[in-house]
Amino acid sequence: MRPDPLEIRSRLEAQFPGASIEVIDDSHLHAGHAGASGGAGHYTVRIRWSGFAGHLPLARHRLVYHAVNDWIPHRIHALSIHAAA
């Protein structure tokens, strides 16, 4: 079962205190997709956090993935990340 965007946001807020975070459930755009058939969701995350300063984009994405890693691939199938300092 896919998480509610608020669950994802809560996880990210705990990992990135003071960050500006937006989580969008894009699952409806992927209906019929093989990854969606098991109930896992597709999400877009937009996060701006001062702690990302000095990190390359790949490192920023790894930090975000780490926060929800235990939900991939069973609850989250795809995560589009826009991370800025």
C-alpha atoms as a PDB file:
ATOM      1  CA  MET A   1       0.000   0.000   0.000  1.00  0.00           C
ATOM      2  CA  ARG A   2       1.437   3.328  -1.018  1.00  0.00           C
ATOM      3  CA  PRO A   3       2.064   5.982   1.631  1.00  0.00           C
ATOM      4  CA  ASP A   4       0.036   9.152   1.856  1.00  0.00           C
ATOM      5  CA  PRO A   5       2.071  12.205   0.754  1.00  0.00           C
ATOM      6  CA  LEU A   6       1.809  13.477   4.339  1.00  0.00           C
ATOM      7  CA  GLU A   7       3.627  10.342   5.565  1.00  0.00           C
ATOM      8  CA  ILE A   8       6.461  10.996   3.137  1.00  0.00           C
ATOM      9  CA  ARG A   9       6.556  14.665   4.102  1.00  0.00           C
ATOM     10  CA  SER A  10       6.731  13.730   7.788  1.00  0.00           C
ATOM     11  CA  ARG A  11       9.688  11.431   7.136  1.00  0.00           C
ATOM     12  CA  LEU A  12      11.483  14.126   5.171  1.00  0.00           C
ATOM     13  CA  GLU A  13      10.788  16.800   7.798  1.00  0.00           C
ATOM     14  CA  ALA A  14      12.385  14.565  10.436  1.00  0.00           C
ATOM     15  CA  GLN A  15      15.458  14.028   8.265  1.00  0.00           C
ATOM     16  CA  PHE A  16      15.747  17.613   6.976  1.00  0.00           C
ATOM     17  CA  PRO A  17      14.650  19.996   9.755  1.00  0.00           C
ATOM     18  CA  GLY A  18      13.610  23.416   8.528  1.00  0.00           C
ATOM     19  CA  ALA A  19      13.369  22.324   4.898  1.00  0.00           C
ATOM     20  CA  SER A  20      10.690  23.549   2.524  1.00  0.00           C
ATOM     21  CA  ILE A  21       9.039  20.336   1.308  1.00  0.00           C
ATOM     22  CA  GLU A  22       6.321  19.552  -1.221  1.00  0.00           C
ATOM     23  CA  VAL A  23       5.228  15.983  -1.974  1.00  0.00           C
ATOM     24  CA  ILE A  24       2.929  15.277  -4.915  1.00  0.00           C
ATOM     25  CA  ASP A  25       1.261  11.909  -5.499  1.00  0.00           C
ATOM     26  CA  ASP A  26       1.590  11.231  -9.235  1.00  0.00           C
ATOM     27  CA  SER A  27       0.285   7.667  -8.989  1.00  0.00           C
ATOM     28  CA  HIS A  28      -2.844   8.421 -11.008  1.00  0.00           C
ATOM     29  CA  LEU A  29      -0.626   9.302 -13.986  1.00  0.00           C
ATOM     30  CA  HIS A  30       0.825   5.790 -13.949  1.00  0.00           C
ATOM     31  CA  ALA A  31      -2.342   3.680 -13.739  1.00  0.00           C
ATOM     32  CA  GLY A  32      -1.781   0.409 -15.543  1.00  0.00           C
ATOM     33  CA  HIS A  33       2.010   0.697 -15.233  1.00  0.00           C
ATOM     34  CA  ALA A  34       3.651  -2.540 -14.085  1.00  0.00           C
ATOM     35  CA  GLY A  35       5.141  -0.881 -10.990  1.00  0.00           C
ATOM     36  CA  ALA A  36       1.771   0.485  -9.968  1.00  0.00           C
ATOM     37  CA  SER A  37       0.051  -2.901 -10.148  1.00  0.00           C
ATOM     38  CA  GLY A  38       1.370  -3.934  -6.717  1.00  0.00           C
ATOM     39  CA  GLY A  39       0.001  -0.791  -5.066  1.00  0.00           C
ATOM     40  CA  ALA A  40       3.273   1.130  -4.822  1.00  0.00           C
ATOM     41  CA  GLY A  41       3.072   4.847  -5.599  1.00  0.00           C
ATOM     42  CA  HIS A  42       4.764   7.369  -7.851  1.00  0.00           C
ATOM     43  CA  TYR A  43       5.715  10.693  -6.234  1.00  0.00           C
ATOM     44  CA  THR A  44       7.395  13.992  -6.945  1.00  0.00           C
ATOM     45  CA  VAL A  45       9.347  15.558  -4.086  1.00  0.00           C
ATOM     46  CA  ARG A  46      10.449  19.186  -4.152  1.00  0.00           C
ATOM     47  CA  ILE A  47      12.735  20.003  -1.261  1.00  0.00           C
ATOM     48  CA  ARG A  48      14.833  23.060  -0.454  1.00  0.00           C
ATOM     49  CA  TRP A  49      17.166  22.655   2.504  1.00  0.00           C
ATOM     50  CA  SER A  50      20.191  24.688   3.550  1.00  0.00           C
ATOM     51  CA  GLY A  51      22.022  21.479   4.466  1.00  0.00           C
ATOM     52  CA  PHE A  52      22.231  20.597   0.770  1.00  0.00           C
ATOM     53  CA  ALA A  53      24.686  23.469   0.212  1.00  0.00           C
ATOM     54  CA  GLY A  54      27.956  22.094  -1.100  1.00  0.00           C
ATOM     55  CA  HIS A  55      26.413  18.756  -2.109  1.00  0.00           C
ATOM     56  CA  LEU A  56      26.206  17.709  -5.745  1.00  0.00           C
ATOM     57  CA  PRO A  57      22.721  16.814  -7.052  1.00  0.00           C
ATOM     58  CA  LEU A  58      23.401  13.068  -6.848  1.00  0.00           C
ATOM     59  CA  ALA A  59      24.380  13.370  -3.176  1.00  0.00           C
ATOM     60  CA  ARG A  60      21.206  15.359  -2.459  1.00  0.00           C
ATOM     61  CA  HIS A  61      19.091  12.653  -4.108  1.00  0.00           C
ATOM     62  CA  ARG A  62      20.842   9.936  -2.120  1.00  0.00           C
ATOM     63  CA  LEU A  63      20.018  11.754   1.115  1.00  0.00           C
ATOM     64  CA  VAL A  64      16.338  11.953   0.156  1.00  0.00           C
ATOM     65  CA  TYR A  65      16.219   8.291  -0.916  1.00  0.00           C
ATOM     66  CA  HIS A  66      17.837   7.303   2.380  1.00  0.00           C
ATOM     67  CA  ALA A  67      14.945   8.891   4.304  1.00  0.00           C
ATOM     68  CA  VAL A  68      12.363   6.619   2.600  1.00  0.00           C
ATOM     69  CA  ASN A  69      14.565   3.682   1.607  1.00  0.00           C
ATOM     70  CA  ASP A  70      12.582   1.103   3.578  1.00  0.00           C
ATOM     71  CA  TRP A  71       9.454   1.975   1.539  1.00  0.00           C
ATOM     72  CA  ILE A  72      11.136   1.303  -1.821  1.00  0.00           C
ATOM     73  CA  PRO A  73       9.966  -0.681  -3.848  1.00  0.00           C
ATOM     74  CA  HIS A  74       6.975  -2.019  -1.913  1.00  0.00           C
ATOM     75  CA  ARG A  75       5.254   1.258  -1.008  1.00  0.00           C
ATOM     76  CA  ILE A  76       7.079   3.690  -3.299  1.00  0.00           C
ATOM     77  CA  HIS A  77       7.762   2.580  -6.864  1.00  0.00           C
ATOM     78  CA  ALA A  78       9.107   5.844  -8.276  1.00  0.00           C
ATOM     79  CA  LEU A  79      10.362   9.078  -6.759  1.00  0.00           C
ATOM     80  CA  SER A  80      11.138  12.172  -8.798  1.00  0.00           C
ATOM     81  CA  ILE A  81      13.338  14.458  -6.717  1.00  0.00           C
ATOM     82  CA  HIS A  82      13.999  18.179  -7.114  1.00  0.00           C
ATOM     83  CA  ALA A  83      16.467  19.084  -4.358  1.00  0.00           C
ATOM     84  CA  ALA A  84      17.992  22.529  -3.897  1.00  0.00           C
ATOM     85  CA  ALA A  85      20.030  24.363  -1.271  1.00  0.00           C
END
